[in-house]
Amino acid sequence: MSKEKIPTTSAILALKAKKADFTLHTYPYEERGGTKVSAQKLGVDEHSVIKTLIMEDETGKPFIILMHGDKEVSTKSLARIIGVKSVSPCNPAMAEKHTGYKVGGTSPFGTRKVMPVYIEKTIADLPEIFINAGSRGLLAKMSATELVLILKPFAVSVAI
């Protein structure tokens, strides 16, 4: 049996530099499959698979929002909470420019540009999470506590 080749990504390097406790899990990536597919392929609850979304305010200032895989972000609530007029998802080219990751493989760790990170507050209550490790089809499993310690995100309640 050949050992699967796992790419070394900026996210993995950043996690190792922080001496994070995590394990890597691969799955066959499907275009537009999202967290539903990754959860099914790994046999885990989609609620514990965390999406890394790159958004921007009305001035184009980017930021990261982490959300449960089975939830959406209320952009109106998020804008109100962070004190801006509006927020919207970055287009894929801009998201890639800000993070250095292809959409579908975006990780909050080791991004090209340092951006504020917001997290749906209930994520911190999960015993373990699966979050993108910087490549399509590659998730890092870690405790939610570890994620919060490393990223120091701002907790918000914007899930719908």
N, C-alpha and C. Protein backbone atom coordinates (compact mmCIF):
# COMPACT_ATOMS: atom_id res chain seq x y z
N MET A 1 0.83 -1.20 0.00
CA MET A 1 0.00 0.00 0.00
C MET A 1 0.87 1.25 0.00
N SER A 2 0.56 2.17 -0.88
CA SER A 2 1.35 3.40 -0.90
C SER A 2 0.76 4.40 0.08
N LYS A 3 1.65 5.12 0.73
CA LYS A 3 1.21 6.13 1.69
C LYS A 3 0.76 7.35 0.90
N GLU A 4 -0.39 7.88 1.28
CA GLU A 4 -0.94 9.04 0.58
C GLU A 4 -0.05 10.26 0.81
N LYS A 5 0.21 11.01 -0.25
CA LYS A 5 1.05 12.20 -0.14
C LYS A 5 0.18 13.38 0.29
N ILE A 6 0.45 13.90 1.48
CA ILE A 6 -0.29 15.06 1.98
C ILE A 6 0.56 16.29 1.72
N PRO A 7 -0.02 17.30 1.05
CA PRO A 7 0.77 18.49 0.74
C PRO A 7 1.13 19.25 2.01
N THR A 8 2.29 19.90 2.00
CA THR A 8 2.65 20.79 3.10
C THR A 8 2.12 22.16 2.72
N THR A 9 1.16 22.64 3.47
CA THR A 9 0.53 23.93 3.17
C THR A 9 0.98 24.97 4.19
N SER A 10 0.71 26.23 3.89
CA SER A 10 0.99 27.31 4.84
C SER A 10 0.23 27.08 6.13
N ALA A 11 -0.98 26.54 6.02
CA ALA A 11 -1.80 26.27 7.22
C ALA A 11 -1.12 25.23 8.11
N ILE A 12 -0.64 24.14 7.51
CA ILE A 12 0.02 23.08 8.29
C ILE A 12 1.29 23.63 8.93
N LEU A 13 2.06 24.41 8.19
CA LEU A 13 3.28 25.01 8.74
C LEU A 13 2.94 25.95 9.90
N ALA A 14 1.87 26.74 9.75
CA ALA A 14 1.46 27.66 10.81
C ALA A 14 1.02 26.90 12.05
N LEU A 15 0.27 25.81 11.86
CA LEU A 15 -0.18 24.99 13.00
C LEU A 15 1.01 24.35 13.71
N LYS A 16 1.96 23.84 12.94
CA LYS A 16 3.15 23.23 13.54
C LYS A 16 3.97 24.27 14.29
N ALA A 17 4.08 25.47 13.74
CA ALA A 17 4.83 26.55 14.38
C ALA A 17 4.21 26.93 15.73
N LYS A 18 2.89 26.79 15.83
CA LYS A 18 2.17 27.10 17.08
C LYS A 18 2.13 25.88 18.01
N LYS A 19 2.78 24.79 17.58
CA LYS A 19 2.78 23.52 18.33
C LYS A 19 1.35 23.04 18.63
N ALA A 20 0.48 23.22 17.63
CA ALA A 20 -0.93 22.84 17.76
C ALA A 20 -1.06 21.32 17.79
N ASP A 21 -2.08 20.87 18.49
CA ASP A 21 -2.40 19.44 18.55
C ASP A 21 -3.51 19.18 17.52
N PHE A 22 -3.14 18.58 16.39
CA PHE A 22 -4.10 18.34 15.32
C PHE A 22 -3.72 17.09 14.55
N THR A 23 -4.71 16.53 13.86
CA THR A 23 -4.44 15.42 12.95
C THR A 23 -5.02 15.79 11.59
N LEU A 24 -4.41 15.29 10.53
CA LEU A 24 -4.87 15.60 9.18
C LEU A 24 -5.73 14.47 8.64
N HIS A 25 -6.79 14.85 7.92
CA HIS A 25 -7.72 13.88 7.34
C HIS A 25 -7.99 14.27 5.89
N THR A 26 -7.78 13.33 4.98
CA THR A 26 -8.02 13.61 3.57
C THR A 26 -9.32 12.95 3.12
N TYR A 27 -9.89 13.50 2.07
CA TYR A 27 -11.09 12.93 1.45
C TYR A 27 -11.08 13.34 -0.02
N PRO A 28 -11.77 12.58 -0.87
CA PRO A 28 -11.83 12.95 -2.29
C PRO A 28 -12.65 14.23 -2.47
N TYR A 29 -11.98 15.30 -2.85
CA TYR A 29 -12.63 16.61 -3.02
C TYR A 29 -13.60 16.59 -4.19
N GLU A 30 -14.75 17.22 -4.00
CA GLU A 30 -15.73 17.38 -5.07
C GLU A 30 -16.01 18.86 -5.25
N GLU A 31 -15.89 19.35 -6.48
CA GLU A 31 -16.20 20.74 -6.80
C GLU A 31 -17.62 21.05 -6.34
N ARG A 32 -17.79 22.12 -5.62
CA ARG A 32 -19.09 22.57 -5.09
C ARG A 32 -19.73 21.59 -4.09
N GLY A 33 -18.94 20.66 -3.58
CA GLY A 33 -19.47 19.69 -2.61
C GLY A 33 -19.62 20.27 -1.21
N GLY A 34 -18.70 21.18 -0.87
CA GLY A 34 -18.76 21.86 0.42
C GLY A 34 -18.64 20.94 1.62
N THR A 35 -19.10 21.45 2.76
CA THR A 35 -18.97 20.72 4.02
C THR A 35 -19.85 19.47 4.06
N LYS A 36 -20.93 19.47 3.30
CA LYS A 36 -21.81 18.30 3.29
C LYS A 36 -21.04 17.07 2.77
N VAL A 37 -20.32 17.25 1.68
CA VAL A 37 -19.55 16.16 1.08
C VAL A 37 -18.40 15.75 2.00
N SER A 38 -17.64 16.73 2.51
CA SER A 38 -16.50 16.38 3.36
C SER A 38 -16.97 15.65 4.62
N ALA A 39 -18.08 16.08 5.21
CA ALA A 39 -18.62 15.41 6.40
C ALA A 39 -19.02 13.98 6.08
N GLN A 40 -19.70 13.79 4.94
CA GLN A 40 -20.12 12.44 4.55
C GLN A 40 -18.91 11.54 4.31
N LYS A 41 -17.93 12.05 3.58
CA LYS A 41 -16.75 11.24 3.24
C LYS A 41 -15.94 10.86 4.48
N LEU A 42 -15.92 11.75 5.48
CA LEU A 42 -15.17 11.48 6.71
C LEU A 42 -16.03 10.81 7.79
N GLY A 43 -17.34 10.71 7.54
CA GLY A 43 -18.24 10.08 8.50
C GLY A 43 -18.40 10.88 9.79
N VAL A 44 -18.45 12.22 9.65
CA VAL A 44 -18.62 13.08 10.82
C VAL A 44 -19.84 13.98 10.64
N ASP A 45 -20.27 14.59 11.74
CA ASP A 45 -21.41 15.50 11.72
C ASP A 45 -21.02 16.80 11.00
N GLU A 46 -21.82 17.21 10.03
CA GLU A 46 -21.52 18.43 9.27
C GLU A 46 -21.43 19.66 10.18
N HIS A 47 -22.11 19.64 11.31
CA HIS A 47 -22.09 20.76 12.26
C HIS A 47 -20.67 20.99 12.81
N SER A 48 -19.86 19.93 12.87
CA SER A 48 -18.49 20.06 13.41
C SER A 48 -17.45 20.33 12.32
N VAL A 49 -17.89 20.37 11.05
CA VAL A 49 -16.99 20.76 9.96
C VAL A 49 -17.16 22.27 9.80
N ILE A 50 -16.07 22.99 10.00
CA ILE A 50 -16.13 24.45 10.05
C ILE A 50 -15.72 25.07 8.71
N LYS A 51 -16.58 25.95 8.21
CA LYS A 51 -16.30 26.67 6.96
C LYS A 51 -15.44 27.89 7.28
N THR A 52 -14.47 28.16 6.42
CA THR A 52 -13.67 29.38 6.50
C THR A 52 -14.13 30.26 5.36
N LEU A 53 -14.84 31.34 5.69
CA LEU A 53 -15.40 32.22 4.67
C LEU A 53 -14.64 33.55 4.67
N ILE A 54 -14.26 33.99 3.49
CA ILE A 54 -13.57 35.28 3.35
C ILE A 54 -14.61 36.29 2.88
N MET A 55 -14.82 37.30 3.72
CA MET A 55 -15.82 38.32 3.40
C MET A 55 -15.14 39.68 3.42
N GLU A 56 -15.90 40.68 2.99
CA GLU A 56 -15.38 42.04 3.01
C GLU A 56 -16.49 43.00 3.38
N ASP A 57 -16.09 44.15 3.93
CA ASP A 57 -17.10 45.17 4.23
C ASP A 57 -17.29 46.05 3.00
N GLU A 58 -18.10 47.08 3.14
CA GLU A 58 -18.43 47.92 1.98
C GLU A 58 -17.22 48.66 1.42
N THR A 59 -16.15 48.78 2.20
CA THR A 59 -14.94 49.46 1.72
C THR A 59 -13.95 48.48 1.09
N GLY A 60 -14.31 47.18 1.11
CA GLY A 60 -13.42 46.16 0.53
C GLY A 60 -12.43 45.59 1.54
N LYS A 61 -12.57 45.96 2.83
CA LYS A 61 -11.66 45.44 3.86
C LYS A 61 -12.03 43.99 4.15
N PRO A 62 -11.08 43.06 3.94
CA PRO A 62 -11.40 41.64 4.12
C PRO A 62 -11.32 41.17 5.58
N PHE A 63 -12.07 40.11 5.86
CA PHE A 63 -11.99 39.45 7.16
C PHE A 63 -12.45 38.01 7.00
N ILE A 64 -12.20 37.23 8.02
CA ILE A 64 -12.56 35.81 8.01
C ILE A 64 -13.71 35.59 8.98
N ILE A 65 -14.68 34.78 8.56
CA ILE A 65 -15.73 34.34 9.48
C ILE A 65 -15.75 32.81 9.44
N LEU A 66 -15.70 32.20 10.62
CA LEU A 66 -15.76 30.74 10.74
C LEU A 66 -17.18 30.36 11.13
N MET A 67 -17.76 29.41 10.38
CA MET A 67 -19.16 29.04 10.59
C MET A 67 -19.32 27.53 10.54
N HIS A 68 -20.29 27.02 11.30
CA HIS A 68 -20.64 25.60 11.23
C HIS A 68 -20.97 25.24 9.78
N GLY A 69 -20.60 24.04 9.36
CA GLY A 69 -20.85 23.61 7.99
C GLY A 69 -22.32 23.58 7.61
N ASP A 70 -23.19 23.31 8.59
CA ASP A 70 -24.62 23.20 8.29
C ASP A 70 -25.38 24.50 8.52
N LYS A 71 -24.67 25.61 8.68
CA LYS A 71 -25.32 26.91 8.92
C LYS A 71 -24.84 27.92 7.88
N GLU A 72 -25.57 29.02 7.79
CA GLU A 72 -25.19 30.14 6.92
C GLU A 72 -24.91 31.35 7.82
N VAL A 73 -24.28 32.36 7.23
CA VAL A 73 -23.98 33.59 7.95
C VAL A 73 -25.05 34.64 7.62
N SER A 74 -25.62 35.26 8.66
CA SER A 74 -26.51 36.39 8.44
C SER A 74 -25.61 37.61 8.25
N THR A 75 -25.48 38.04 7.00
CA THR A 75 -24.57 39.16 6.72
C THR A 75 -25.08 40.46 7.34
N LYS A 76 -26.40 40.61 7.45
CA LYS A 76 -26.97 41.81 8.09
C LYS A 76 -26.58 41.86 9.56
N SER A 77 -26.74 40.73 10.26
CA SER A 77 -26.38 40.67 11.68
C SER A 77 -24.88 40.89 11.86
N LEU A 78 -24.08 40.27 11.01
CA LEU A 78 -22.63 40.40 11.12
C LEU A 78 -22.20 41.85 10.91
N ALA A 79 -22.75 42.51 9.91
CA ALA A 79 -22.41 43.92 9.65
C ALA A 79 -22.75 44.77 10.87
N ARG A 80 -23.94 44.54 11.43
CA ARG A 80 -24.37 45.31 12.60
C ARG A 80 -23.41 45.09 13.78
N ILE A 81 -23.05 43.82 14.03
CA ILE A 81 -22.18 43.49 15.16
C ILE A 81 -20.78 44.08 15.00
N ILE A 82 -20.23 44.05 13.80
CA ILE A 82 -18.86 44.55 13.64
C ILE A 82 -18.81 46.04 13.28
N GLY A 83 -19.98 46.66 13.18
CA GLY A 83 -20.05 48.11 13.01
C GLY A 83 -19.72 48.63 11.62
N VAL A 84 -20.17 47.90 10.60
CA VAL A 84 -19.99 48.37 9.22
C VAL A 84 -21.35 48.42 8.54
N LYS A 85 -21.41 49.09 7.37
CA LYS A 85 -22.68 49.21 6.66
C LYS A 85 -23.16 47.88 6.08
N SER A 86 -22.20 47.15 5.46
CA SER A 86 -22.59 45.88 4.84
C SER A 86 -21.39 44.95 4.76
N VAL A 87 -21.69 43.65 4.66
CA VAL A 87 -20.65 42.65 4.42
C VAL A 87 -21.14 41.73 3.31
N SER A 88 -20.19 41.24 2.54
CA SER A 88 -20.53 40.30 1.47
C SER A 88 -19.33 39.39 1.25
N PRO A 89 -19.57 38.22 0.67
CA PRO A 89 -18.45 37.32 0.38
C PRO A 89 -17.51 37.95 -0.65
N CYS A 90 -16.22 37.75 -0.47
CA CYS A 90 -15.25 38.19 -1.48
C CYS A 90 -15.43 37.32 -2.71
N ASN A 91 -15.15 37.87 -3.88
CA ASN A 91 -15.19 37.01 -5.06
C ASN A 91 -13.99 36.05 -4.95
N PRO A 92 -14.08 34.88 -5.59
CA PRO A 92 -13.03 33.87 -5.43
C PRO A 92 -11.61 34.37 -5.72
N ALA A 93 -11.43 35.22 -6.73
CA ALA A 93 -10.09 35.72 -7.06
C ALA A 93 -9.54 36.58 -5.93
N MET A 94 -10.39 37.42 -5.34
CA MET A 94 -9.94 38.28 -4.23
C MET A 94 -9.69 37.44 -2.98
N ALA A 95 -10.55 36.46 -2.73
CA ALA A 95 -10.36 35.59 -1.56
C ALA A 95 -9.02 34.88 -1.67
N GLU A 96 -8.69 34.41 -2.88
CA GLU A 96 -7.43 33.72 -3.11
C GLU A 96 -6.24 34.68 -2.93
N LYS A 97 -6.40 35.92 -3.38
CA LYS A 97 -5.34 36.92 -3.24
C LYS A 97 -5.07 37.23 -1.76
N HIS A 98 -6.14 37.35 -0.96
CA HIS A 98 -6.00 37.66 0.47
C HIS A 98 -5.40 36.50 1.26
N THR A 99 -5.79 35.27 0.89
CA THR A 99 -5.41 34.11 1.71
C THR A 99 -4.24 33.31 1.17
N GLY A 100 -4.10 33.28 -0.15
CA GLY A 100 -3.10 32.41 -0.76
C GLY A 100 -3.63 31.00 -0.98
N TYR A 101 -4.91 30.79 -0.70
CA TYR A 101 -5.54 29.48 -0.86
C TYR A 101 -6.61 29.52 -1.94
N LYS A 102 -6.76 28.39 -2.64
CA LYS A 102 -7.85 28.26 -3.61
C LYS A 102 -9.17 28.09 -2.85
N VAL A 103 -10.24 28.67 -3.37
CA VAL A 103 -11.56 28.50 -2.76
C VAL A 103 -11.86 27.00 -2.75
N GLY A 104 -12.35 26.51 -1.61
CA GLY A 104 -12.55 25.08 -1.43
C GLY A 104 -11.41 24.48 -0.63
N GLY A 105 -10.34 25.26 -0.46
CA GLY A 105 -9.19 24.82 0.32
C GLY A 105 -8.73 25.93 1.26
N THR A 106 -9.61 26.89 1.54
CA THR A 106 -9.25 28.05 2.36
C THR A 106 -9.18 27.67 3.84
N SER A 107 -8.05 28.01 4.44
CA SER A 107 -7.84 27.78 5.87
C SER A 107 -7.68 29.13 6.57
N PRO A 108 -8.08 29.22 7.84
CA PRO A 108 -7.85 30.48 8.57
C PRO A 108 -6.41 30.59 9.07
N PHE A 109 -5.65 29.49 8.96
CA PHE A 109 -4.27 29.46 9.44
C PHE A 109 -3.31 29.76 8.29
N GLY A 110 -2.27 30.55 8.56
CA GLY A 110 -1.23 30.78 7.57
C GLY A 110 -1.69 31.55 6.35
N THR A 111 -2.62 32.47 6.52
CA THR A 111 -3.11 33.26 5.37
C THR A 111 -2.03 34.25 4.94
N ARG A 112 -2.05 34.59 3.66
CA ARG A 112 -1.08 35.52 3.09
C ARG A 112 -1.19 36.89 3.76
N LYS A 113 -2.42 37.33 4.00
CA LYS A 113 -2.68 38.64 4.60
C LYS A 113 -3.28 38.40 6.00
N VAL A 114 -2.83 39.15 6.98
CA VAL A 114 -3.41 39.04 8.32
C VAL A 114 -4.75 39.77 8.31
N MET A 115 -5.80 39.06 8.71
CA MET A 115 -7.15 39.63 8.70
C MET A 115 -7.82 39.36 10.04
N PRO A 116 -8.78 40.21 10.43
CA PRO A 116 -9.55 39.89 11.64
C PRO A 116 -10.31 38.57 11.43
N VAL A 117 -10.45 37.79 12.50
CA VAL A 117 -11.15 36.51 12.43
C VAL A 117 -12.34 36.56 13.38
N TYR A 118 -13.52 36.24 12.85
CA TYR A 118 -14.74 36.14 13.65
C TYR A 118 -15.15 34.68 13.66
N ILE A 119 -15.78 34.26 14.75
CA ILE A 119 -16.18 32.86 14.89
C ILE A 119 -17.59 32.81 15.45
N GLU A 120 -18.42 31.96 14.86
CA GLU A 120 -19.75 31.73 15.43
C GLU A 120 -19.51 31.17 16.83
N LYS A 121 -20.06 31.84 17.84
CA LYS A 121 -19.68 31.52 19.23
C LYS A 121 -19.93 30.07 19.64
N THR A 122 -20.91 29.40 19.04
CA THR A 122 -21.21 28.01 19.44
C THR A 122 -20.15 27.03 18.96
N ILE A 123 -19.28 27.43 18.04
CA ILE A 123 -18.19 26.55 17.59
C ILE A 123 -17.28 26.22 18.77
N ALA A 124 -17.05 27.21 19.62
CA ALA A 124 -16.15 27.03 20.77
C ALA A 124 -16.67 25.97 21.75
N ASP A 125 -17.96 25.66 21.69
CA ASP A 125 -18.54 24.65 22.58
C ASP A 125 -18.33 23.21 22.10
N LEU A 126 -17.89 23.05 20.86
CA LEU A 126 -17.72 21.70 20.31
C LEU A 126 -16.46 21.05 20.87
N PRO A 127 -16.52 19.73 21.17
CA PRO A 127 -15.32 19.06 21.69
C PRO A 127 -14.22 18.96 20.63
N GLU A 128 -14.62 18.74 19.37
CA GLU A 128 -13.63 18.69 18.30
C GLU A 128 -14.25 19.23 17.02
N ILE A 129 -13.37 19.77 16.19
CA ILE A 129 -13.82 20.33 14.91
C ILE A 129 -12.94 19.82 13.79
N PHE A 130 -13.43 19.95 12.57
CA PHE A 130 -12.67 19.67 11.36
C PHE A 130 -12.66 20.97 10.58
N ILE A 131 -11.46 21.45 10.24
CA ILE A 131 -11.34 22.74 9.55
C ILE A 131 -10.31 22.60 8.45
N ASN A 132 -10.48 23.35 7.37
CA ASN A 132 -9.59 23.19 6.22
C ASN A 132 -8.13 23.45 6.60
N ALA A 133 -7.26 22.61 6.07
CA ALA A 133 -5.83 22.71 6.36
C ALA A 133 -5.04 23.27 5.18
N GLY A 134 -5.73 24.00 4.29
CA GLY A 134 -5.03 24.73 3.24
C GLY A 134 -4.97 24.07 1.88
N SER A 135 -5.72 22.99 1.70
CA SER A 135 -5.76 22.32 0.40
C SER A 135 -7.12 21.67 0.24
N ARG A 136 -7.62 21.62 -0.98
CA ARG A 136 -8.90 20.96 -1.23
C ARG A 136 -8.79 19.49 -0.86
N GLY A 137 -9.76 19.01 -0.07
CA GLY A 137 -9.75 17.60 0.33
C GLY A 137 -8.85 17.31 1.52
N LEU A 138 -8.50 18.33 2.30
CA LEU A 138 -7.62 18.15 3.46
C LEU A 138 -8.16 18.96 4.64
N LEU A 139 -8.57 18.23 5.69
CA LEU A 139 -9.08 18.89 6.89
C LEU A 139 -8.19 18.56 8.08
N ALA A 140 -8.09 19.51 9.00
CA ALA A 140 -7.38 19.30 10.26
C ALA A 140 -8.42 19.08 11.34
N LYS A 141 -8.23 18.02 12.12
CA LYS A 141 -9.11 17.75 13.26
C LYS A 141 -8.39 18.26 14.50
N MET A 142 -9.08 19.06 15.30
CA MET A 142 -8.50 19.62 16.52
C MET A 142 -9.61 19.97 17.49
N SER A 143 -9.23 20.32 18.70
CA SER A 143 -10.25 20.77 19.65
C SER A 143 -10.61 22.21 19.30
N ALA A 144 -11.84 22.59 19.59
CA ALA A 144 -12.26 23.97 19.34
C ALA A 144 -11.44 24.92 20.22
N THR A 145 -11.05 24.45 21.40
CA THR A 145 -10.23 25.25 22.31
C THR A 145 -8.90 25.61 21.64
N GLU A 146 -8.31 24.64 20.96
CA GLU A 146 -7.03 24.85 20.25
C GLU A 146 -7.21 25.93 19.17
N LEU A 147 -8.28 25.84 18.42
CA LEU A 147 -8.58 26.83 17.38
C LEU A 147 -8.64 28.24 17.97
N VAL A 148 -9.37 28.39 19.08
CA VAL A 148 -9.54 29.69 19.73
C VAL A 148 -8.21 30.21 20.27
N LEU A 149 -7.41 29.33 20.86
CA LEU A 149 -6.10 29.74 21.39
C LEU A 149 -5.19 30.26 20.27
N ILE A 150 -5.21 29.61 19.13
CA ILE A 150 -4.32 29.99 18.03
C ILE A 150 -4.80 31.25 17.31
N LEU A 151 -6.08 31.30 16.96
CA LEU A 151 -6.59 32.40 16.14
C LEU A 151 -7.05 33.62 16.94
N LYS A 152 -7.39 33.43 18.21
CA LYS A 152 -7.93 34.51 19.04
C LYS A 152 -9.04 35.28 18.31
N PRO A 153 -10.06 34.53 17.84
CA PRO A 153 -11.14 35.17 17.06
C PRO A 153 -12.12 35.94 17.95
N PHE A 154 -12.86 36.83 17.31
CA PHE A 154 -13.95 37.56 17.97
C PHE A 154 -15.20 36.70 17.86
N ALA A 155 -15.82 36.37 19.00
CA ALA A 155 -17.02 35.54 18.99
C ALA A 155 -18.24 36.37 18.61
N VAL A 156 -19.04 35.85 17.68
CA VAL A 156 -20.27 36.52 17.23
C VAL A 156 -21.39 35.49 17.16
N SER A 157 -22.61 35.96 17.13
CA SER A 157 -23.75 35.06 16.99
C SER A 157 -24.52 35.49 15.75
N VAL A 158 -24.17 34.87 14.60
CA VAL A 158 -24.74 35.29 13.32
C VAL A 158 -25.21 34.10 12.46
N ALA A 159 -25.34 32.92 13.07
CA ALA A 159 -25.73 31.73 12.32
C ALA A 159 -27.22 31.75 12.00
N ILE A 160 -27.56 31.32 10.78
CA ILE A 160 -28.97 31.14 10.42
C ILE A 160 -29.12 29.80 9.72
